[in-house]
Amino acid sequence: MIDRAERSVRNYEEKLRLGACGRLSEEELRRRVGGYAYTACQQQMVTVQVRQALCGLGVVTTLFPMYHAYARELGRLRRLDCSAEARGSALRATAAKWIARGLDETALREVAASVFNLSWPATADKPLT
């Protein structure tokens, strides 16, 4: 069975070959498909890790899409080139937003720590709610 990432990469390559981005040299096409493939595989790995963390905590599966959206925000946050203090502040604000939307703080902490290796800000020892 072909996994989702592989199918997505094949579709992307086909679109490029059909001219979705104009005429591309074979080298440029390979470069773009390679970058896309890397990102798709990373996203799939994050999705699996988030699911494992949530299943371990007994989170209801109907909430998984919201936790995946939170995880995508953490992925962007992790890529930011900023100080640890600024990253902690951004993590706190992101978590507060998702807690206000009904997600569990314990699950948010677990996803941040186990999937993204982001430590919860020291000032956030008390609940965000």
C-alpha atoms as a PDB file:
ATOM      1  CA  MET A   1       0.000   0.000   0.000  1.00  0.00           C
ATOM      2  CA  ILE A   2       1.285   3.433  -0.927  1.00  0.00           C
ATOM      3  CA  ASP A   3       1.372   5.851   1.970  1.00  0.00           C
ATOM      4  CA  ARG A   4      -0.071   9.326   1.876  1.00  0.00           C
ATOM      5  CA  ALA A   5       3.284  11.139   1.598  1.00  0.00           C
ATOM      6  CA  GLU A   6       4.424   9.046  -1.365  1.00  0.00           C
ATOM      7  CA  ARG A   7       1.142   9.575  -3.196  1.00  0.00           C
ATOM      8  CA  SER A   8       1.325  13.309  -2.531  1.00  0.00           C
ATOM      9  CA  VAL A   9       4.877  13.493  -3.921  1.00  0.00           C
ATOM     10  CA  ARG A  10       3.878  11.599  -7.061  1.00  0.00           C
ATOM     11  CA  ASN A  11       0.941  13.945  -7.611  1.00  0.00           C
ATOM     12  CA  TYR A  12       3.160  16.988  -7.101  1.00  0.00           C
ATOM     13  CA  GLU A  13       5.735  15.697  -9.580  1.00  0.00           C
ATOM     14  CA  GLU A  14       3.024  14.997 -12.142  1.00  0.00           C
ATOM     15  CA  LYS A  15       1.650  18.529 -11.775  1.00  0.00           C
ATOM     16  CA  LEU A  16       5.123  19.976 -12.306  1.00  0.00           C
ATOM     17  CA  ARG A  17       5.694  17.807 -15.365  1.00  0.00           C
ATOM     18  CA  LEU A  18       2.357  18.964 -16.792  1.00  0.00           C
ATOM     19  CA  GLY A  19       3.502  22.580 -16.512  1.00  0.00           C
ATOM     20  CA  ALA A  20       1.902  23.871 -13.318  1.00  0.00           C
ATOM     21  CA  CYS A  21       4.971  26.071 -12.754  1.00  0.00           C
ATOM     22  CA  GLY A  22       5.916  26.621 -16.363  1.00  0.00           C
ATOM     23  CA  ARG A  23       8.708  24.812 -18.134  1.00  0.00           C
ATOM     24  CA  LEU A  24      11.282  23.467 -15.725  1.00  0.00           C
ATOM     25  CA  SER A  25      14.583  21.814 -16.453  1.00  0.00           C
ATOM     26  CA  GLU A  26      14.904  18.240 -15.246  1.00  0.00           C
ATOM     27  CA  GLU A  27      17.391  19.407 -12.627  1.00  0.00           C
ATOM     28  CA  GLU A  28      15.019  22.071 -11.283  1.00  0.00           C
ATOM     29  CA  LEU A  29      12.130  19.616 -11.300  1.00  0.00           C
ATOM     30  CA  ARG A  30      14.171  17.072  -9.319  1.00  0.00           C
ATOM     31  CA  ARG A  31      15.208  19.778  -6.840  1.00  0.00           C
ATOM     32  CA  ARG A  32      11.609  20.868  -6.246  1.00  0.00           C
ATOM     33  CA  VAL A  33      10.281  17.331  -5.961  1.00  0.00           C
ATOM     34  CA  GLY A  34      13.089  16.431  -3.550  1.00  0.00           C
ATOM     35  CA  GLY A  35      12.289  19.375  -1.297  1.00  0.00           C
ATOM     36  CA  TYR A  36       8.598  18.569  -1.396  1.00  0.00           C
ATOM     37  CA  ALA A  37       9.263  14.909  -0.634  1.00  0.00           C
ATOM     38  CA  TYR A  38      11.390  15.811   2.380  1.00  0.00           C
ATOM     39  CA  THR A  39       8.684  18.090   3.771  1.00  0.00           C
ATOM     40  CA  ALA A  40       5.910  15.554   3.135  1.00  0.00           C
ATOM     41  CA  CYS A  41       7.850  12.831   4.965  1.00  0.00           C
ATOM     42  CA  GLN A  42       8.556  15.156   7.894  1.00  0.00           C
ATOM     43  CA  GLN A  43       4.872  16.052   8.139  1.00  0.00           C
ATOM     44  CA  GLN A  44       3.868  12.408   8.071  1.00  0.00           C
ATOM     45  CA  MET A  45       6.332  11.566  10.854  1.00  0.00           C
ATOM     46  CA  VAL A  46       5.014  14.424  12.990  1.00  0.00           C
ATOM     47  CA  THR A  47       1.439  13.258  12.409  1.00  0.00           C
ATOM     48  CA  VAL A  48       2.287   9.736  13.567  1.00  0.00           C
ATOM     49  CA  GLN A  49       4.125  11.017  16.647  1.00  0.00           C
ATOM     50  CA  VAL A  50       1.248  13.332  17.588  1.00  0.00           C
ATOM     51  CA  ARG A  51      -1.226  10.463  17.219  1.00  0.00           C
ATOM     52  CA  GLN A  52       0.912   8.236  19.438  1.00  0.00           C
ATOM     53  CA  ALA A  53       1.154  10.919  22.124  1.00  0.00           C
ATOM     54  CA  LEU A  54      -2.593  11.566  22.026  1.00  0.00           C
ATOM     55  CA  CYS A  55      -3.496   7.864  22.109  1.00  0.00           C
ATOM     56  CA  GLY A  56      -1.209   7.436  25.106  1.00  0.00           C
ATOM     57  CA  LEU A  57      -3.188  10.117  26.933  1.00  0.00           C
ATOM     58  CA  GLY A  58      -6.565   8.736  25.892  1.00  0.00           C
ATOM     59  CA  VAL A  59      -7.611  11.783  23.860  1.00  0.00           C
ATOM     60  CA  VAL A  60     -10.816  11.342  21.848  1.00  0.00           C
ATOM     61  CA  THR A  61      -9.999  10.834  18.162  1.00  0.00           C
ATOM     62  CA  THR A  62     -12.537  13.436  17.018  1.00  0.00           C
ATOM     63  CA  LEU A  63     -10.214  16.083  18.509  1.00  0.00           C
ATOM     64  CA  PHE A  64      -7.134  14.875  16.606  1.00  0.00           C
ATOM     65  CA  PRO A  65      -7.492  17.412  13.749  1.00  0.00           C
ATOM     66  CA  MET A  66      -7.335  20.272  16.245  1.00  0.00           C
ATOM     67  CA  TYR A  67      -4.239  18.820  17.874  1.00  0.00           C
ATOM     68  CA  HIS A  68      -2.667  18.379  14.422  1.00  0.00           C
ATOM     69  CA  ALA A  69      -3.333  22.063  13.697  1.00  0.00           C
ATOM     70  CA  TYR A  70      -1.626  22.897  17.006  1.00  0.00           C
ATOM     71  CA  ALA A  71       1.295  20.681  15.981  1.00  0.00           C
ATOM     72  CA  ARG A  72       1.654  22.524  12.656  1.00  0.00           C
ATOM     73  CA  GLU A  73       1.889  25.792  14.590  1.00  0.00           C
ATOM     74  CA  LEU A  74       4.560  24.280  16.836  1.00  0.00           C
ATOM     75  CA  GLY A  75       6.477  23.175  13.748  1.00  0.00           C
ATOM     76  CA  ARG A  76       6.533  26.761  12.500  1.00  0.00           C
ATOM     77  CA  LEU A  77       7.487  27.954  15.976  1.00  0.00           C
ATOM     78  CA  ARG A  78      10.388  25.506  16.171  1.00  0.00           C
ATOM     79  CA  ARG A  79      11.784  26.782  12.876  1.00  0.00           C
ATOM     80  CA  LEU A  80      11.836  30.403  14.072  1.00  0.00           C
ATOM     81  CA  ASP A  81      15.245  31.923  14.616  1.00  0.00           C
ATOM     82  CA  CYS A  82      14.630  33.613  17.962  1.00  0.00           C
ATOM     83  CA  SER A  83      15.726  33.551  21.572  1.00  0.00           C
ATOM     84  CA  ALA A  84      14.544  30.881  23.979  1.00  0.00           C
ATOM     85  CA  GLU A  85      12.581  33.534  25.863  1.00  0.00           C
ATOM     86  CA  ALA A  86      10.750  34.667  22.726  1.00  0.00           C
ATOM     87  CA  ARG A  87      10.077  31.054  21.741  1.00  0.00           C
ATOM     88  CA  GLY A  88       8.699  30.322  25.218  1.00  0.00           C
ATOM     89  CA  SER A  89       6.434  33.340  25.030  1.00  0.00           C
ATOM     90  CA  ALA A  90       5.170  32.288  21.601  1.00  0.00           C
ATOM     91  CA  LEU A  91       4.595  28.727  22.860  1.00  0.00           C
ATOM     92  CA  ARG A  92       2.603  30.071  25.797  1.00  0.00           C
ATOM     93  CA  ALA A  93       0.447  32.242  23.522  1.00  0.00           C
ATOM     94  CA  THR A  94      -0.138  29.381  21.086  1.00  0.00           C
ATOM     95  CA  ALA A  95      -1.100  27.006  23.899  1.00  0.00           C
ATOM     96  CA  ALA A  96      -3.435  29.580  25.447  1.00  0.00           C
ATOM     97  CA  LYS A  97      -5.215  29.944  22.109  1.00  0.00           C
ATOM     98  CA  TRP A  98      -5.748  26.193  21.782  1.00  0.00           C
ATOM     99  CA  ILE A  99      -6.823  25.824  25.414  1.00  0.00           C
ATOM    100  CA  ALA A 100      -9.433  28.517  24.763  1.00  0.00           C
ATOM    101  CA  ARG A 101     -10.616  26.375  21.836  1.00  0.00           C
ATOM    102  CA  GLY A 102     -11.188  23.439  24.162  1.00  0.00           C
ATOM    103  CA  LEU A 103      -7.986  21.371  24.018  1.00  0.00           C
ATOM    104  CA  ASP A 104      -6.447  19.819  27.112  1.00  0.00           C
ATOM    105  CA  GLU A 105      -3.338  21.543  28.488  1.00  0.00           C
ATOM    106  CA  THR A 106      -1.740  18.237  29.503  1.00  0.00           C
ATOM    107  CA  ALA A 107      -2.036  16.937  25.945  1.00  0.00           C
ATOM    108  CA  LEU A 108      -0.659  20.203  24.549  1.00  0.00           C
ATOM    109  CA  ARG A 109       2.342  19.964  26.873  1.00  0.00           C
ATOM    110  CA  GLU A 110       2.916  16.333  25.866  1.00  0.00           C
ATOM    111  CA  VAL A 111       2.841  17.139  22.137  1.00  0.00           C
ATOM    112  CA  ALA A 112       5.224  20.072  22.601  1.00  0.00           C
ATOM    113  CA  ALA A 113       7.666  18.018  24.672  1.00  0.00           C
ATOM    114  CA  SER A 114       7.589  14.593  23.036  1.00  0.00           C
ATOM    115  CA  VAL A 115       7.167  15.546  19.384  1.00  0.00           C
ATOM    116  CA  PHE A 116       8.932  18.912  19.105  1.00  0.00           C
ATOM    117  CA  ASN A 117      11.278  18.801  22.098  1.00  0.00           C
ATOM    118  CA  LEU A 118      10.002  22.225  23.178  1.00  0.00           C
ATOM    119  CA  SER A 119      10.150  22.842  26.898  1.00  0.00           C
ATOM    120  CA  TRP A 120       7.163  24.529  28.484  1.00  0.00           C
ATOM    121  CA  PRO A 121       7.995  28.074  29.621  1.00  0.00           C
ATOM    122  CA  ALA A 122       9.005  28.329  33.283  1.00  0.00           C
ATOM    123  CA  THR A 123       6.337  30.957  33.939  1.00  0.00           C
ATOM    124  CA  ALA A 124       3.705  28.533  32.735  1.00  0.00           C
ATOM    125  CA  ASP A 125       3.940  26.173  35.714  1.00  0.00           C
ATOM    126  CA  LYS A 126       0.454  27.217  36.698  1.00  0.00           C
ATOM    127  CA  PRO A 127      -2.386  26.328  34.315  1.00  0.00           C
ATOM    128  CA  LEU A 128      -2.980  28.690  31.413  1.00  0.00           C
ATOM    129  CA  THR A 129      -6.752  28.631  31.919  1.00  0.00           C
END
